[in-house]
Amino acid sequence: MTAKPKKKKIEPKAENFYDLVYKIVKKVPKGKVTSYGRIAVLIGKPRAARAVGYALNALKKSQEQKIPWQRVINSMGKISHRGDTPRAIIQKKLLESEGIKFSREEVVDWKRFGWPD
């Protein structure tokens, strides 16, 4: 009697961090914003807000139309531009085109525009 070979268990491939970020960001509805930290919490990595920013900064041009990166801002309700002023200007224009309003101090009202509610 010969022993049957054991079948290898196929483990489902874990999604990488960037893919998880993109999956959550796609859920942010038009006219709403969320923060880098909130995305990190929703992924289950509450201390990874900066990594969320890196993931969004790593988007390829072809992905920018599919993933609404502009809807992610910092926890103070402001656009984070870290010296990339042209991108910050584009982000603000995109958000305003979705109906998001900024105060004189360039801050978004979380109660009105924050996601998830």
PDB file of N, CA and C in Angstrom:
ATOM      1  N   MET A   1       0.843  -1.181   0.000  1.00  0.00           N
ATOM      2  CA  MET A   1       0.000   0.000   0.000  1.00  0.00           C
ATOM      3  C   MET A   1       0.890   1.247   0.000  1.00  0.00           C
ATOM      4  N   THR A   2       0.640   2.111  -0.923  1.00  0.00           N
ATOM      5  CA  THR A   2       1.446   3.326  -0.996  1.00  0.00           C
ATOM      6  C   THR A   2       0.691   4.478  -0.348  1.00  0.00           C
ATOM      7  N   ALA A   3       1.447   5.338   0.285  1.00  0.00           N
ATOM      8  CA  ALA A   3       0.843   6.493   0.954  1.00  0.00           C
ATOM      9  C   ALA A   3       0.482   7.551  -0.083  1.00  0.00           C
ATOM     10  N   LYS A   4      -0.665   8.131   0.131  1.00  0.00           N
ATOM     11  CA  LYS A   4      -1.084   9.208  -0.774  1.00  0.00           C
ATOM     12  C   LYS A   4      -0.256  10.452  -0.470  1.00  0.00           C
ATOM     13  N   PRO A   5       0.171  11.139  -1.512  1.00  0.00           N
ATOM     14  CA  PRO A   5       0.899  12.386  -1.239  1.00  0.00           C
ATOM     15  C   PRO A   5      -0.049  13.396  -0.590  1.00  0.00           C
ATOM     16  N   LYS A   6       0.488  14.117   0.383  1.00  0.00           N
ATOM     17  CA  LYS A   6      -0.336  15.137   1.047  1.00  0.00           C
ATOM     18  C   LYS A   6      -0.575  16.293   0.100  1.00  0.00           C
ATOM     19  N   LYS A   7      -1.807  16.774   0.108  1.00  0.00           N
ATOM     20  CA  LYS A   7      -2.133  17.945  -0.698  1.00  0.00           C
ATOM     21  C   LYS A   7      -1.602  19.180   0.021  1.00  0.00           C
ATOM     22  N   LYS A   8      -0.980  20.018  -0.741  1.00  0.00           N
ATOM     23  CA  LYS A   8      -0.495  21.269  -0.153  1.00  0.00           C
ATOM     24  C   LYS A   8      -1.677  22.185   0.089  1.00  0.00           C
ATOM     25  N   LYS A   9      -1.673  22.762   1.261  1.00  0.00           N
ATOM     26  CA  LYS A   9      -2.702  23.749   1.575  1.00  0.00           C
ATOM     27  C   LYS A   9      -2.357  25.041   0.857  1.00  0.00           C
ATOM     28  N   ILE A  10      -3.285  25.550   0.130  1.00  0.00           N
ATOM     29  CA  ILE A  10      -3.050  26.813  -0.556  1.00  0.00           C
ATOM     30  C   ILE A  10      -3.644  27.918   0.303  1.00  0.00           C
ATOM     31  N   GLU A  11      -2.756  28.724   0.822  1.00  0.00           N
ATOM     32  CA  GLU A  11      -3.184  29.848   1.650  1.00  0.00           C
ATOM     33  C   GLU A  11      -3.563  31.005   0.739  1.00  0.00           C
ATOM     34  N   PRO A  12      -4.666  31.681   1.054  1.00  0.00           N
ATOM     35  CA  PRO A  12      -4.990  32.860   0.248  1.00  0.00           C
ATOM     36  C   PRO A  12      -3.889  33.910   0.415  1.00  0.00           C
ATOM     37  N   LYS A  13      -3.538  34.521  -0.676  1.00  0.00           N
ATOM     38  CA  LYS A  13      -2.477  35.523  -0.637  1.00  0.00           C
ATOM     39  C   LYS A  13      -2.968  36.760   0.114  1.00  0.00           C
ATOM     40  N   ALA A  14      -2.196  37.168   1.077  1.00  0.00           N
ATOM     41  CA  ALA A  14      -2.554  38.361   1.847  1.00  0.00           C
ATOM     42  C   ALA A  14      -2.358  39.595   0.974  1.00  0.00           C
ATOM     43  N   GLU A  15      -3.289  40.523   1.081  1.00  0.00           N
ATOM     44  CA  GLU A  15      -3.151  41.762   0.318  1.00  0.00           C
ATOM     45  C   GLU A  15      -2.025  42.580   0.921  1.00  0.00           C
ATOM     46  N   ASN A  16      -1.271  43.238   0.065  1.00  0.00           N
ATOM     47  CA  ASN A  16      -0.209  44.073   0.616  1.00  0.00           C
ATOM     48  C   ASN A  16      -0.807  45.393   1.121  1.00  0.00           C
ATOM     49  N   PHE A  17      -0.035  46.079   1.914  1.00  0.00           N
ATOM     50  CA  PHE A  17      -0.499  47.296   2.578  1.00  0.00           C
ATOM     51  C   PHE A  17      -1.022  48.332   1.571  1.00  0.00           C
ATOM     52  N   TYR A  18      -0.267  48.581   0.509  1.00  0.00           N
ATOM     53  CA  TYR A  18      -0.691  49.582  -0.470  1.00  0.00           C
ATOM     54  C   TYR A  18      -2.030  49.202  -1.092  1.00  0.00           C
ATOM     55  N   ASP A  19      -2.216  47.930  -1.432  1.00  0.00           N
ATOM     56  CA  ASP A  19      -3.490  47.497  -2.010  1.00  0.00           C
ATOM     57  C   ASP A  19      -4.642  47.704  -1.038  1.00  0.00           C
ATOM     58  N   LEU A  20      -4.394  47.459   0.249  1.00  0.00           N
ATOM     59  CA  LEU A  20      -5.430  47.699   1.259  1.00  0.00           C
ATOM     60  C   LEU A  20      -5.780  49.188   1.337  1.00  0.00           C
ATOM     61  N   VAL A  21      -4.764  50.037   1.284  1.00  0.00           N
ATOM     62  CA  VAL A  21      -5.001  51.485   1.296  1.00  0.00           C
ATOM     63  C   VAL A  21      -5.888  51.862   0.113  1.00  0.00           C
ATOM     64  N   TYR A  22      -5.523  51.394  -1.068  1.00  0.00           N
ATOM     65  CA  TYR A  22      -6.274  51.757  -2.274  1.00  0.00           C
ATOM     66  C   TYR A  22      -7.715  51.250  -2.207  1.00  0.00           C
ATOM     67  N   LYS A  23      -7.894  50.065  -1.655  1.00  0.00           N
ATOM     68  CA  LYS A  23      -9.230  49.477  -1.527  1.00  0.00           C
ATOM     69  C   LYS A  23     -10.128  50.347  -0.638  1.00  0.00           C
ATOM     70  N   ILE A  24      -9.591  50.829   0.474  1.00  0.00           N
ATOM     71  CA  ILE A  24     -10.360  51.685   1.392  1.00  0.00           C
ATOM     72  C   ILE A  24     -10.601  53.058   0.774  1.00  0.00           C
ATOM     73  N   VAL A  25      -9.575  53.645   0.175  1.00  0.00           N
ATOM     74  CA  VAL A  25      -9.712  54.988  -0.409  1.00  0.00           C
ATOM     75  C   VAL A  25     -10.779  54.992  -1.505  1.00  0.00           C
ATOM     76  N   LYS A  26     -10.900  53.912  -2.238  1.00  0.00           N
ATOM     77  CA  LYS A  26     -11.934  53.818  -3.280  1.00  0.00           C
ATOM     78  C   LYS A  26     -13.337  53.919  -2.694  1.00  0.00           C
ATOM     79  N   LYS A  27     -13.490  53.612  -1.419  1.00  0.00           N
ATOM     80  CA  LYS A  27     -14.802  53.642  -0.767  1.00  0.00           C
ATOM     81  C   LYS A  27     -15.205  55.036  -0.295  1.00  0.00           C
ATOM     82  N   VAL A  28     -14.263  55.972  -0.266  1.00  0.00           N
ATOM     83  CA  VAL A  28     -14.579  57.331   0.194  1.00  0.00           C
ATOM     84  C   VAL A  28     -15.468  57.979  -0.869  1.00  0.00           C
ATOM     85  N   PRO A  29     -16.697  58.323  -0.505  1.00  0.00           N
ATOM     86  CA  PRO A  29     -17.615  58.873  -1.510  1.00  0.00           C
ATOM     87  C   PRO A  29     -17.256  60.290  -1.954  1.00  0.00           C
ATOM     88  N   LYS A  30     -17.713  60.607  -3.133  1.00  0.00           N
ATOM     89  CA  LYS A  30     -17.547  61.957  -3.667  1.00  0.00           C
ATOM     90  C   LYS A  30     -18.176  62.944  -2.698  1.00  0.00           C
ATOM     91  N   GLY A  31     -17.481  64.055  -2.444  1.00  0.00           N
ATOM     92  CA  GLY A  31     -17.995  65.064  -1.531  1.00  0.00           C
ATOM     93  C   GLY A  31     -17.642  64.815  -0.074  1.00  0.00           C
ATOM     94  N   LYS A  32     -16.805  63.798   0.179  1.00  0.00           N
ATOM     95  CA  LYS A  32     -16.362  63.479   1.536  1.00  0.00           C
ATOM     96  C   LYS A  32     -14.849  63.368   1.559  1.00  0.00           C
ATOM     97  N   VAL A  33     -14.271  63.527   2.736  1.00  0.00           N
ATOM     98  CA  VAL A  33     -12.831  63.360   2.922  1.00  0.00           C
ATOM     99  C   VAL A  33     -12.591  62.483   4.146  1.00  0.00           C
ATOM    100  N   THR A  34     -11.408  61.927   4.200  1.00  0.00           N
ATOM    101  CA  THR A  34     -10.984  61.162   5.371  1.00  0.00           C
ATOM    102  C   THR A  34      -9.518  61.488   5.609  1.00  0.00           C
ATOM    103  N   SER A  35      -8.979  60.982   6.699  1.00  0.00           N
ATOM    104  CA  SER A  35      -7.583  61.290   7.016  1.00  0.00           C
ATOM    105  C   SER A  35      -6.697  60.066   6.801  1.00  0.00           C
ATOM    106  N   TYR A  36      -5.412  60.332   6.706  1.00  0.00           N
ATOM    107  CA  TYR A  36      -4.430  59.258   6.581  1.00  0.00           C
ATOM    108  C   TYR A  36      -4.554  58.308   7.777  1.00  0.00           C
ATOM    109  N   GLY A  37      -4.707  58.886   8.950  1.00  0.00           N
ATOM    110  CA  GLY A  37      -4.824  58.085  10.163  1.00  0.00           C
ATOM    111  C   GLY A  37      -6.080  57.235  10.189  1.00  0.00           C
ATOM    112  N   ARG A  38      -7.166  57.776   9.694  1.00  0.00           N
ATOM    113  CA  ARG A  38      -8.434  57.020   9.661  1.00  0.00           C
ATOM    114  C   ARG A  38      -8.297  55.822   8.731  1.00  0.00           C
ATOM    115  N   ILE A  39      -7.663  56.013   7.592  1.00  0.00           N
ATOM    116  CA  ILE A  39      -7.431  54.901   6.662  1.00  0.00           C
ATOM    117  C   ILE A  39      -6.597  53.834   7.364  1.00  0.00           C
ATOM    118  N   ALA A  40      -5.552  54.260   8.063  1.00  0.00           N
ATOM    119  CA  ALA A  40      -4.680  53.318   8.780  1.00  0.00           C
ATOM    120  C   ALA A  40      -5.481  52.510   9.798  1.00  0.00           C
ATOM    121  N   VAL A  41      -6.366  53.168  10.535  1.00  0.00           N
ATOM    122  CA  VAL A  41      -7.203  52.481  11.526  1.00  0.00           C
ATOM    123  C   VAL A  41      -8.122  51.473  10.833  1.00  0.00           C
ATOM    124  N   LEU A  42      -8.731  51.869   9.733  1.00  0.00           N
ATOM    125  CA  LEU A  42      -9.648  50.983   9.020  1.00  0.00           C
ATOM    126  C   LEU A  42      -8.940  49.746   8.472  1.00  0.00           C
ATOM    127  N   ILE A  43      -7.664  49.869   8.187  1.00  0.00           N
ATOM    128  CA  ILE A  43      -6.862  48.737   7.705  1.00  0.00           C
ATOM    129  C   ILE A  43      -6.421  47.845   8.865  1.00  0.00           C
ATOM    130  N   GLY A  44      -6.472  48.392  10.078  1.00  0.00           N
ATOM    131  CA  GLY A  44      -6.021  47.631  11.238  1.00  0.00           C
ATOM    132  C   GLY A  44      -4.583  47.924  11.620  1.00  0.00           C
ATOM    133  N   LYS A  45      -4.050  49.023  11.102  1.00  0.00           N
ATOM    134  CA  LYS A  45      -2.676  49.448  11.404  1.00  0.00           C
ATOM    135  C   LYS A  45      -2.724  50.899  11.888  1.00  0.00           C
ATOM    136  N   PRO A  46      -3.241  51.129  13.100  1.00  0.00           N
ATOM    137  CA  PRO A  46      -3.499  52.497  13.565  1.00  0.00           C
ATOM    138  C   PRO A  46      -2.291  53.421  13.637  1.00  0.00           C
ATOM    139  N   ARG A  47      -1.090  52.882  13.637  1.00  0.00           N
ATOM    140  CA  ARG A  47       0.098  53.738  13.719  1.00  0.00           C
ATOM    141  C   ARG A  47       0.748  53.959  12.349  1.00  0.00           C
ATOM    142  N   ALA A  48       0.029  53.630  11.281  1.00  0.00           N
ATOM    143  CA  ALA A  48       0.615  53.668   9.946  1.00  0.00           C
ATOM    144  C   ALA A  48       0.111  54.815   9.068  1.00  0.00           C
ATOM    145  N   ALA A  49      -0.281  55.926   9.678  1.00  0.00           N
ATOM    146  CA  ALA A  49      -0.799  57.051   8.895  1.00  0.00           C
ATOM    147  C   ALA A  49       0.214  57.536   7.854  1.00  0.00           C
ATOM    148  N   ARG A  50       1.454  57.633   8.252  1.00  0.00           N
ATOM    149  CA  ARG A  50       2.488  58.104   7.322  1.00  0.00           C
ATOM    150  C   ARG A  50       2.639  57.132   6.145  1.00  0.00           C
ATOM    151  N   ALA A  51       2.546  55.844   6.425  1.00  0.00           N
ATOM    152  CA  ALA A  51       2.645  54.838   5.367  1.00  0.00           C
ATOM    153  C   ALA A  51       1.474  54.949   4.392  1.00  0.00           C
ATOM    154  N   VAL A  52       0.310  55.353   4.882  1.00  0.00           N
ATOM    155  CA  VAL A  52      -0.834  55.595   4.004  1.00  0.00           C
ATOM    156  C   VAL A  52      -0.476  56.715   3.027  1.00  0.00           C
ATOM    157  N   GLY A  53       0.148  57.764   3.537  1.00  0.00           N
ATOM    158  CA  GLY A  53       0.599  58.855   2.675  1.00  0.00           C
ATOM    159  C   GLY A  53       1.592  58.384   1.632  1.00  0.00           C
ATOM    160  N   TYR A  54       2.520  57.525   2.044  1.00  0.00           N
ATOM    161  CA  TYR A  54       3.490  56.975   1.086  1.00  0.00           C
ATOM    162  C   TYR A  54       2.785  56.179   0.000  1.00  0.00           C
ATOM    163  N   ALA A  55       1.778  55.395   0.395  1.00  0.00           N
ATOM    164  CA  ALA A  55       1.032  54.584  -0.575  1.00  0.00           C
ATOM    165  C   ALA A  55       0.340  55.471  -1.600  1.00  0.00           C
ATOM    166  N   LEU A  56      -0.281  56.547  -1.133  1.00  0.00           N
ATOM    167  CA  LEU A  56      -0.985  57.435  -2.060  1.00  0.00           C
ATOM    168  C   LEU A  56      -0.004  58.205  -2.940  1.00  0.00           C
ATOM    169  N   ASN A  57       1.138  58.529  -2.391  1.00  0.00           N
ATOM    170  CA  ASN A  57       2.160  59.222  -3.169  1.00  0.00           C
ATOM    171  C   ASN A  57       2.755  58.306  -4.242  1.00  0.00           C
ATOM    172  N   ALA A  58       2.677  56.997  -4.024  1.00  0.00           N
ATOM    173  CA  ALA A  58       3.245  56.023  -4.952  1.00  0.00           C
ATOM    174  C   ALA A  58       2.293  55.656  -6.101  1.00  0.00           C
ATOM    175  N   LEU A  59       1.111  56.240  -6.112  1.00  0.00           N
ATOM    176  CA  LEU A  59       0.160  55.924  -7.180  1.00  0.00           C
ATOM    177  C   LEU A  59       0.764  56.233  -8.542  1.00  0.00           C
ATOM    178  N   LYS A  60       0.531  55.340  -9.472  1.00  0.00           N
ATOM    179  CA  LYS A  60       0.957  55.575 -10.859  1.00  0.00           C
ATOM    180  C   LYS A  60      -0.084  56.478 -11.515  1.00  0.00           C
ATOM    181  N   LYS A  61       0.314  57.156 -12.562  1.00  0.00           N
ATOM    182  CA  LYS A  61      -0.619  58.056 -13.275  1.00  0.00           C
ATOM    183  C   LYS A  61      -1.897  57.316 -13.658  1.00  0.00           C
ATOM    184  N   SER A  62      -1.750  56.082 -14.118  1.00  0.00           N
ATOM    185  CA  SER A  62      -2.917  55.309 -14.546  1.00  0.00           C
ATOM    186  C   SER A  62      -3.866  55.002 -13.390  1.00  0.00           C
ATOM    187  N   GLN A  63      -3.362  54.967 -12.163  1.00  0.00           N
ATOM    188  CA  GLN A  63      -4.190  54.679 -10.994  1.00  0.00           C
ATOM    189  C   GLN A  63      -4.892  55.914 -10.449  1.00  0.00           C
ATOM    190  N   GLU A  64      -4.351  57.089 -10.727  1.00  0.00           N
ATOM    191  CA  GLU A  64      -4.897  58.321 -10.139  1.00  0.00           C
ATOM    192  C   GLU A  64      -6.339  58.583 -10.553  1.00  0.00           C
ATOM    193  N   GLN A  65      -6.742  58.066 -11.707  1.00  0.00           N
ATOM    194  CA  GLN A  65      -8.124  58.251 -12.148  1.00  0.00           C
ATOM    195  C   GLN A  65      -9.069  57.279 -11.462  1.00  0.00           C
ATOM    196  N   LYS A  66      -8.534  56.162 -10.963  1.00  0.00           N
ATOM    197  CA  LYS A  66      -9.359  55.113 -10.359  1.00  0.00           C
ATOM    198  C   LYS A  66      -9.427  55.196  -8.838  1.00  0.00           C
ATOM    199  N   ILE A  67      -8.421  55.798  -8.243  1.00  0.00           N
ATOM    200  CA  ILE A  67      -8.339  55.884  -6.778  1.00  0.00           C
ATOM    201  C   ILE A  67      -8.408  57.353  -6.372  1.00  0.00           C
ATOM    202  N   PRO A  68      -9.460  57.750  -5.664  1.00  0.00           N
ATOM    203  CA  PRO A  68      -9.651  59.170  -5.331  1.00  0.00           C
ATOM    204  C   PRO A  68      -8.715  59.661  -4.219  1.00  0.00           C
ATOM    205  N   TRP A  69      -7.438  59.697  -4.524  1.00  0.00           N
ATOM    206  CA  TRP A  69      -6.389  60.100  -3.574  1.00  0.00           C
ATOM    207  C   TRP A  69      -6.660  61.465  -2.973  1.00  0.00           C
ATOM    208  N   GLN A  70      -7.312  62.337  -3.741  1.00  0.00           N
ATOM    209  CA  GLN A  70      -7.531  63.711  -3.284  1.00  0.00           C
ATOM    210  C   GLN A  70      -8.432  63.779  -2.063  1.00  0.00           C
ATOM    211  N   ARG A  71      -9.165  62.716  -1.770  1.00  0.00           N
ATOM    212  CA  ARG A  71     -10.106  62.710  -0.653  1.00  0.00           C
ATOM    213  C   ARG A  71      -9.456  62.369   0.681  1.00  0.00           C
ATOM    214  N   VAL A  72      -8.145  62.207   0.680  1.00  0.00           N
ATOM    215  CA  VAL A  72      -7.427  61.902   1.917  1.00  0.00           C
ATOM    216  C   VAL A  72      -6.588  63.121   2.302  1.00  0.00           C
ATOM    217  N   ILE A  73      -6.868  63.663   3.488  1.00  0.00           N
ATOM    218  CA  ILE A  73      -6.182  64.855   3.980  1.00  0.00           C
ATOM    219  C   ILE A  73      -5.641  64.563   5.380  1.00  0.00           C
ATOM    220  N   ASN A  74      -4.971  65.526   5.975  1.00  0.00           N
ATOM    221  CA  ASN A  74      -4.398  65.246   7.305  1.00  0.00           C
ATOM    222  C   ASN A  74      -5.452  65.384   8.408  1.00  0.00           C
ATOM    223  N   SER A  75      -5.091  64.963   9.593  1.00  0.00           N
ATOM    224  CA  SER A  75      -6.044  64.921  10.707  1.00  0.00           C
ATOM    225  C   SER A  75      -6.502  66.299  11.169  1.00  0.00           C
ATOM    226  N   MET A  76      -5.787  67.336  10.774  1.00  0.00           N
ATOM    227  CA  MET A  76      -6.194  68.704  11.113  1.00  0.00           C
ATOM    228  C   MET A  76      -7.203  69.251  10.108  1.00  0.00           C
ATOM    229  N   GLY A  77      -7.555  68.449   9.111  1.00  0.00           N
ATOM    230  CA  GLY A  77      -8.512  68.892   8.102  1.00  0.00           C
ATOM    231  C   GLY A  77      -7.877  69.707   6.993  1.00  0.00           C
ATOM    232  N   LYS A  78      -6.570  69.590   6.856  1.00  0.00           N
ATOM    233  CA  LYS A  78      -5.843  70.359   5.841  1.00  0.00           C
ATOM    234  C   LYS A  78      -5.204  69.435   4.809  1.00  0.00           C
ATOM    235  N   ILE A  79      -4.890  70.009   3.679  1.00  0.00           N
ATOM    236  CA  ILE A  79      -4.151  69.292   2.642  1.00  0.00           C
ATOM    237  C   ILE A  79      -2.686  69.276   3.051  1.00  0.00           C
ATOM    238  N   SER A  80      -2.081  68.096   3.008  1.00  0.00           N
ATOM    239  CA  SER A  80      -0.647  67.963   3.296  1.00  0.00           C
ATOM    240  C   SER A  80       0.096  68.027   1.973  1.00  0.00           C
ATOM    241  N   HIS A  81       1.007  68.987   1.856  1.00  0.00           N
ATOM    242  CA  HIS A  81       1.696  69.086   0.568  1.00  0.00           C
ATOM    243  C   HIS A  81       3.194  68.889   0.654  1.00  0.00           C
ATOM    244  N   ARG A  82       3.781  68.984   1.830  1.00  0.00           N
ATOM    245  CA  ARG A  82       5.214  68.714   2.006  1.00  0.00           C
ATOM    246  C   ARG A  82       6.074  69.248   0.862  1.00  0.00           C
ATOM    247  N   GLY A  83       5.837  70.474   0.492  1.00  0.00           N
ATOM    248  CA  GLY A  83       6.664  71.102  -0.539  1.00  0.00           C
ATOM    249  C   GLY A  83       6.197  70.856  -1.956  1.00  0.00           C
ATOM    250  N   ASP A  84       5.190  69.993  -2.143  1.00  0.00           N
ATOM    251  CA  ASP A  84       4.669  69.724  -3.486  1.00  0.00           C
ATOM    252  C   ASP A  84       3.438  70.608  -3.710  1.00  0.00           C
ATOM    253  N   THR A  85       3.693  71.898  -3.854  1.00  0.00           N
ATOM    254  CA  THR A  85       2.610  72.871  -3.978  1.00  0.00           C
ATOM    255  C   THR A  85       1.704  72.616  -5.184  1.00  0.00           C
ATOM    256  N   PRO A  86       2.245  72.285  -6.359  1.00  0.00           N
ATOM    257  CA  PRO A  86       1.345  72.037  -7.500  1.00  0.00           C
ATOM    258  C   PRO A  86       0.330  70.913  -7.230  1.00  0.00           C
ATOM    259  N   ARG A  87       0.781  69.852  -6.579  1.00  0.00           N
ATOM    260  CA  ARG A  87      -0.139  68.741  -6.272  1.00  0.00           C
ATOM    261  C   ARG A  87      -1.196  69.192  -5.257  1.00  0.00           C
ATOM    262  N   ALA A  88      -0.810  70.007  -4.292  1.00  0.00           N
ATOM    263  CA  ALA A  88      -1.761  70.512  -3.297  1.00  0.00           C
ATOM    264  C   ALA A  88      -2.820  71.388  -3.965  1.00  0.00           C
ATOM    265  N   ILE A  89      -2.409  72.187  -4.932  1.00  0.00           N
ATOM    266  CA  ILE A  89      -3.358  73.044  -5.657  1.00  0.00           C
ATOM    267  C   ILE A  89      -4.349  72.181  -6.435  1.00  0.00           C
ATOM    268  N   ILE A  90      -3.847  71.150  -7.092  1.00  0.00           N
ATOM    269  CA  ILE A  90      -4.711  70.221  -7.836  1.00  0.00           C
ATOM    270  C   ILE A  90      -5.680  69.534  -6.879  1.00  0.00           C
ATOM    271  N   GLN A  91      -5.161  69.088  -5.738  1.00  0.00           N
ATOM    272  CA  GLN A  91      -6.004  68.394  -4.765  1.00  0.00           C
ATOM    273  C   GLN A  91      -7.135  69.296  -4.289  1.00  0.00           C
ATOM    274  N   LYS A  92      -6.815  70.540  -3.979  1.00  0.00           N
ATOM    275  CA  LYS A  92      -7.851  71.465  -3.505  1.00  0.00           C
ATOM    276  C   LYS A  92      -8.898  71.706  -4.591  1.00  0.00           C
ATOM    277  N   LYS A  93      -8.461  71.891  -5.824  1.00  0.00           N
ATOM    278  CA  LYS A  93      -9.414  72.115  -6.920  1.00  0.00           C
ATOM    279  C   LYS A  93     -10.316  70.906  -7.128  1.00  0.00           C
ATOM    280  N   LEU A  94      -9.736  69.709  -7.054  1.00  0.00           N
ATOM    281  CA  LEU A  94     -10.537  68.490  -7.199  1.00  0.00           C
ATOM    282  C   LEU A  94     -11.574  68.388  -6.082  1.00  0.00           C
ATOM    283  N   LEU A  95     -11.161  68.674  -4.859  1.00  0.00           N
ATOM    284  CA  LEU A  95     -12.090  68.599  -3.730  1.00  0.00           C
ATOM    285  C   LEU A  95     -13.193  69.653  -3.860  1.00  0.00           C
ATOM    286  N   GLU A  96     -12.814  70.861  -4.230  1.00  0.00           N
ATOM    287  CA  GLU A  96     -13.826  71.915  -4.397  1.00  0.00           C
ATOM    288  C   GLU A  96     -14.803  71.553  -5.516  1.00  0.00           C
ATOM    289  N   SER A  97     -14.320  70.882  -6.559  1.00  0.00           N
ATOM    290  CA  SER A  97     -15.217  70.474  -7.650  1.00  0.00           C
ATOM    291  C   SER A  97     -16.217  69.416  -7.187  1.00  0.00           C
ATOM    292  N   GLU A  98     -15.900  68.740  -6.075  1.00  0.00           N
ATOM    293  CA  GLU A  98     -16.807  67.745  -5.493  1.00  0.00           C
ATOM    294  C   GLU A  98     -17.727  68.369  -4.445  1.00  0.00           C
ATOM    295  N   GLY A  99     -17.596  69.678  -4.236  1.00  0.00           N
ATOM    296  CA  GLY A  99     -18.469  70.373  -3.293  1.00  0.00           C
ATOM    297  C   GLY A  99     -17.895  70.560  -1.901  1.00  0.00           C
ATOM    298  N   ILE A 100     -16.648  70.186  -1.705  1.00  0.00           N
ATOM    299  CA  ILE A 100     -16.021  70.344  -0.390  1.00  0.00           C
ATOM    300  C   ILE A 100     -15.573  71.789  -0.215  1.00  0.00           C
ATOM    301  N   LYS A 101     -15.907  72.350   0.924  1.00  0.00           N
ATOM    302  CA  LYS A 101     -15.581  73.746   1.220  1.00  0.00           C
ATOM    303  C   LYS A 101     -14.422  73.824   2.208  1.00  0.00           C
ATOM    304  N   PHE A 102     -13.583  74.820   2.013  1.00  0.00           N
ATOM    305  CA  PHE A 102     -12.468  75.093   2.907  1.00  0.00           C
ATOM    306  C   PHE A 102     -12.715  76.411   3.618  1.00  0.00           C
ATOM    307  N   SER A 103     -12.293  76.498   4.871  1.00  0.00           N
ATOM    308  CA  SER A 103     -12.388  77.750   5.623  1.00  0.00           C
ATOM    309  C   SER A 103     -11.291  78.697   5.136  1.00  0.00           C
ATOM    310  N   ARG A 104     -11.283  79.905   5.672  1.00  0.00           N
ATOM    311  CA  ARG A 104     -10.216  80.864   5.334  1.00  0.00           C
ATOM    312  C   ARG A 104      -8.847  80.304   5.698  1.00  0.00           C
ATOM    313  N   GLU A 105      -8.831  79.462   6.705  1.00  0.00           N
ATOM    314  CA  GLU A 105      -7.572  78.867   7.169  1.00  0.00           C
ATOM    315  C   GLU A 105      -7.208  77.605   6.381  1.00  0.00           C
ATOM    316  N   GLU A 106      -7.972  77.336   5.297  1.00  0.00           N
ATOM    317  CA  GLU A 106      -7.744  76.156   4.440  1.00  0.00           C
ATOM    318  C   GLU A 106      -8.041  74.842   5.161  1.00  0.00           C
ATOM    319  N   VAL A 107      -9.054  74.850   6.023  1.00  0.00           N
ATOM    320  CA  VAL A 107      -9.429  73.677   6.803  1.00  0.00           C
ATOM    321  C   VAL A 107     -10.807  73.188   6.352  1.00  0.00           C
ATOM    322  N   VAL A 108     -10.970  71.867   6.317  1.00  0.00           N
ATOM    323  CA  VAL A 108     -12.243  71.233   5.978  1.00  0.00           C
ATOM    324  C   VAL A 108     -12.971  70.907   7.283  1.00  0.00           C
ATOM    325  N   ASP A 109     -14.274  71.112   7.304  1.00  0.00           N
ATOM    326  CA  ASP A 109     -15.102  70.806   8.474  1.00  0.00           C
ATOM    327  C   ASP A 109     -15.370  69.298   8.515  1.00  0.00           C
ATOM    328  N   TRP A 110     -14.757  68.602   9.495  1.00  0.00           N
ATOM    329  CA  TRP A 110     -14.903  67.142   9.594  1.00  0.00           C
ATOM    330  C   TRP A 110     -16.349  66.726   9.813  1.00  0.00           C
ATOM    331  N   LYS A 111     -17.100  67.512  10.591  1.00  0.00           N
ATOM    332  CA  LYS A 111     -18.488  67.142  10.875  1.00  0.00           C
ATOM    333  C   LYS A 111     -19.334  67.151   9.601  1.00  0.00           C
ATOM    334  N   ARG A 112     -19.025  68.045   8.729  1.00  0.00           N
ATOM    335  CA  ARG A 112     -19.813  68.180   7.503  1.00  0.00           C
ATOM    336  C   ARG A 112     -19.308  67.274   6.378  1.00  0.00           C
ATOM    337  N   PHE A 113     -17.988  67.143   6.251  1.00  0.00           N
ATOM    338  CA  PHE A 113     -17.424  66.455   5.087  1.00  0.00           C
ATOM    339  C   PHE A 113     -16.658  65.169   5.423  1.00  0.00           C
ATOM    340  N   GLY A 114     -16.546  64.828   6.702  1.00  0.00           N
ATOM    341  CA  GLY A 114     -15.759  63.666   7.096  1.00  0.00           C
ATOM    342  C   GLY A 114     -16.405  62.322   6.760  1.00  0.00           C
ATOM    343  N   TRP A 115     -15.568  61.348   6.451  1.00  0.00           N
ATOM    344  CA  TRP A 115     -15.996  59.979   6.193  1.00  0.00           C
ATOM    345  C   TRP A 115     -15.084  59.024   6.935  1.00  0.00           C
ATOM    346  N   PRO A 116     -15.560  57.943   7.493  1.00  0.00           N
ATOM    347  CA  PRO A 116     -16.983  57.649   7.632  1.00  0.00           C
ATOM    348  C   PRO A 116     -17.607  58.545   8.686  1.00  0.00           C
ATOM    349  N   ASP A 117     -18.915  58.696   8.588  1.00  0.00           N
ATOM    350  CA  ASP A 117     -19.652  59.613   9.478  1.00  0.00           C
ATOM    351  C   ASP A 117     -19.538  59.208  10.919  1.00  0.00           C
TER     352      ASP A 117
END
